[in-house]
């Protein structure tokens, strides 16, 4: 994230803070599969899940199509299973 322009860093940080404080009205979250979700911030997508009140961010990428790449979901599922089992 440190390689991103400062305005993008600020937007991502602010959105993560809103998620942390459970201010869901100001953010866009898409359910992907099971407990895995996608947080949309401008052109960026953050794949994450929540377990025992902790938010785990797995990946961040620039989404170029409407469909989330299957490999991104697969990676998130592996992390999800490691943490929740």
C-alpha atoms as a PDB file:
ATOM      1  CA  UNK A   1       0.000   0.000   0.000  1.00  0.00           C
ATOM      2  CA  UNK A   2       2.947   2.318   0.612  1.00  0.00           C
ATOM      3  CA  UNK A   3       3.551   2.459  -3.163  1.00  0.00           C
ATOM      4  CA  UNK A   4       0.148   4.029  -3.800  1.00  0.00           C
ATOM      5  CA  UNK A   5      -0.420   7.773  -4.209  1.00  0.00           C
ATOM      6  CA  UNK A   6      -1.123   9.575  -0.902  1.00  0.00           C
ATOM      7  CA  UNK A   7      -4.783  10.297  -1.767  1.00  0.00           C
ATOM      8  CA  UNK A   8      -5.417   6.593  -2.437  1.00  0.00           C
ATOM      9  CA  UNK A   9      -3.640   5.653   0.802  1.00  0.00           C
ATOM     10  CA  UNK A  10      -5.837   8.122   2.711  1.00  0.00           C
ATOM     11  CA  UNK A  11      -9.038   6.802   1.127  1.00  0.00           C
ATOM     12  CA  UNK A  12      -8.106   3.183   1.912  1.00  0.00           C
ATOM     13  CA  UNK A  13      -7.090   4.042   5.485  1.00  0.00           C
ATOM     14  CA  UNK A  14     -10.331   5.945   6.062  1.00  0.00           C
ATOM     15  CA  UNK A  15     -12.437   3.095   4.720  1.00  0.00           C
ATOM     16  CA  UNK A  16     -10.604   0.545   6.865  1.00  0.00           C
ATOM     17  CA  UNK A  17     -11.190   2.786   9.877  1.00  0.00           C
ATOM     18  CA  UNK A  18     -14.930   2.922   9.048  1.00  0.00           C
ATOM     19  CA  UNK A  19     -14.990  -0.881   8.838  1.00  0.00           C
ATOM     20  CA  UNK A  20     -13.148  -1.154  12.151  1.00  0.00           C
ATOM     21  CA  UNK A  21     -15.668   1.176  13.801  1.00  0.00           C
ATOM     22  CA  UNK A  22     -18.618  -0.675  12.212  1.00  0.00           C
ATOM     23  CA  UNK A  23     -19.743   2.351  10.188  1.00  0.00           C
ATOM     24  CA  UNK A  24     -21.037   0.199   7.338  1.00  0.00           C
ATOM     25  CA  UNK A  25     -23.235   2.922   5.857  1.00  0.00           C
ATOM     26  CA  UNK A  26     -20.212   4.699   4.346  1.00  0.00           C
ATOM     27  CA  UNK A  27     -18.508   1.668   2.769  1.00  0.00           C
ATOM     28  CA  UNK A  28     -19.301  -0.894   0.084  1.00  0.00           C
ATOM     29  CA  UNK A  29     -18.856  -4.561   1.009  1.00  0.00           C
ATOM     30  CA  UNK A  30     -19.663  -7.447  -1.298  1.00  0.00           C
ATOM     31  CA  UNK A  31     -20.157 -10.987   0.022  1.00  0.00           C
ATOM     32  CA  UNK A  32     -17.989 -13.364  -2.032  1.00  0.00           C
ATOM     33  CA  UNK A  33     -18.110 -16.846  -0.538  1.00  0.00           C
ATOM     34  CA  UNK A  34     -18.876 -17.997   2.988  1.00  0.00           C
ATOM     35  CA  UNK A  35     -17.253 -15.530   5.363  1.00  0.00           C
ATOM     36  CA  UNK A  36     -15.050 -14.007   2.659  1.00  0.00           C
ATOM     37  CA  UNK A  37     -15.918 -10.477   1.597  1.00  0.00           C
ATOM     38  CA  UNK A  38     -14.655  -7.811  -0.773  1.00  0.00           C
ATOM     39  CA  UNK A  39     -14.241  -4.191   0.299  1.00  0.00           C
ATOM     40  CA  UNK A  40     -14.448  -1.771  -2.621  1.00  0.00           C
ATOM     41  CA  UNK A  41     -12.469   1.463  -2.472  1.00  0.00           C
ATOM     42  CA  UNK A  42     -12.338   3.352  -5.747  1.00  0.00           C
ATOM     43  CA  UNK A  43     -10.567   0.987  -8.190  1.00  0.00           C
ATOM     44  CA  UNK A  44      -9.075  -1.097  -5.374  1.00  0.00           C
ATOM     45  CA  UNK A  45     -10.490  -4.285  -3.906  1.00  0.00           C
ATOM     46  CA  UNK A  46      -9.516  -5.674  -0.515  1.00  0.00           C
ATOM     47  CA  UNK A  47     -10.383  -9.290   0.179  1.00  0.00           C
ATOM     48  CA  UNK A  48     -11.010  -9.910   3.871  1.00  0.00           C
ATOM     49  CA  UNK A  49     -12.862 -11.901   6.484  1.00  0.00           C
ATOM     50  CA  UNK A  50     -13.768 -11.344  10.117  1.00  0.00           C
ATOM     51  CA  UNK A  51     -13.130 -13.959  12.795  1.00  0.00           C
ATOM     52  CA  UNK A  52     -13.692 -13.383  16.507  1.00  0.00           C
ATOM     53  CA  UNK A  53     -13.981  -9.599  16.049  1.00  0.00           C
ATOM     54  CA  UNK A  54     -10.656  -9.425  14.150  1.00  0.00           C
ATOM     55  CA  UNK A  55     -10.577  -8.253  10.532  1.00  0.00           C
ATOM     56  CA  UNK A  56      -8.094 -10.206   8.408  1.00  0.00           C
ATOM     57  CA  UNK A  57      -7.137  -8.563   5.131  1.00  0.00           C
ATOM     58  CA  UNK A  58      -5.862 -11.185   2.720  1.00  0.00           C
ATOM     59  CA  UNK A  59      -5.259  -9.362  -0.557  1.00  0.00           C
ATOM     60  CA  UNK A  60      -5.476  -5.973  -2.212  1.00  0.00           C
ATOM     61  CA  UNK A  61      -5.645  -5.599  -5.977  1.00  0.00           C
ATOM     62  CA  UNK A  62      -7.010  -3.414  -8.737  1.00  0.00           C
ATOM     63  CA  UNK A  63     -10.170  -4.947 -10.109  1.00  0.00           C
ATOM     64  CA  UNK A  64     -10.398  -4.676 -13.882  1.00  0.00           C
ATOM     65  CA  UNK A  65     -13.593  -6.664 -14.490  1.00  0.00           C
ATOM     66  CA  UNK A  66     -16.936  -7.083 -12.735  1.00  0.00           C
ATOM     67  CA  UNK A  67     -16.069 -10.591 -11.582  1.00  0.00           C
ATOM     68  CA  UNK A  68     -13.606 -11.198  -8.740  1.00  0.00           C
ATOM     69  CA  UNK A  69     -10.789 -13.451 -10.008  1.00  0.00           C
ATOM     70  CA  UNK A  70     -11.219 -17.038  -8.800  1.00  0.00           C
ATOM     71  CA  UNK A  71      -7.575 -17.257  -7.675  1.00  0.00           C
ATOM     72  CA  UNK A  72      -8.139 -14.311  -5.293  1.00  0.00           C
ATOM     73  CA  UNK A  73     -11.086 -16.101  -3.690  1.00  0.00           C
ATOM     74  CA  UNK A  74      -9.103 -19.365  -3.488  1.00  0.00           C
ATOM     75  CA  UNK A  75      -6.216 -17.638  -1.687  1.00  0.00           C
ATOM     76  CA  UNK A  76      -8.633 -16.021   0.753  1.00  0.00           C
ATOM     77  CA  UNK A  77     -10.341 -19.371   1.415  1.00  0.00           C
ATOM     78  CA  UNK A  78      -6.997 -20.973   2.332  1.00  0.00           C
ATOM     79  CA  UNK A  79      -6.261 -18.194   4.837  1.00  0.00           C
ATOM     80  CA  UNK A  80      -9.819 -18.350   6.169  1.00  0.00           C
ATOM     81  CA  UNK A  81      -9.546 -22.096   6.821  1.00  0.00           C
ATOM     82  CA  UNK A  82      -6.156 -21.695   8.535  1.00  0.00           C
ATOM     83  CA  UNK A  83      -7.484 -19.034  10.906  1.00  0.00           C
ATOM     84  CA  UNK A  84     -10.932 -20.439  11.652  1.00  0.00           C
ATOM     85  CA  UNK A  85     -10.044 -24.132  12.155  1.00  0.00           C
END
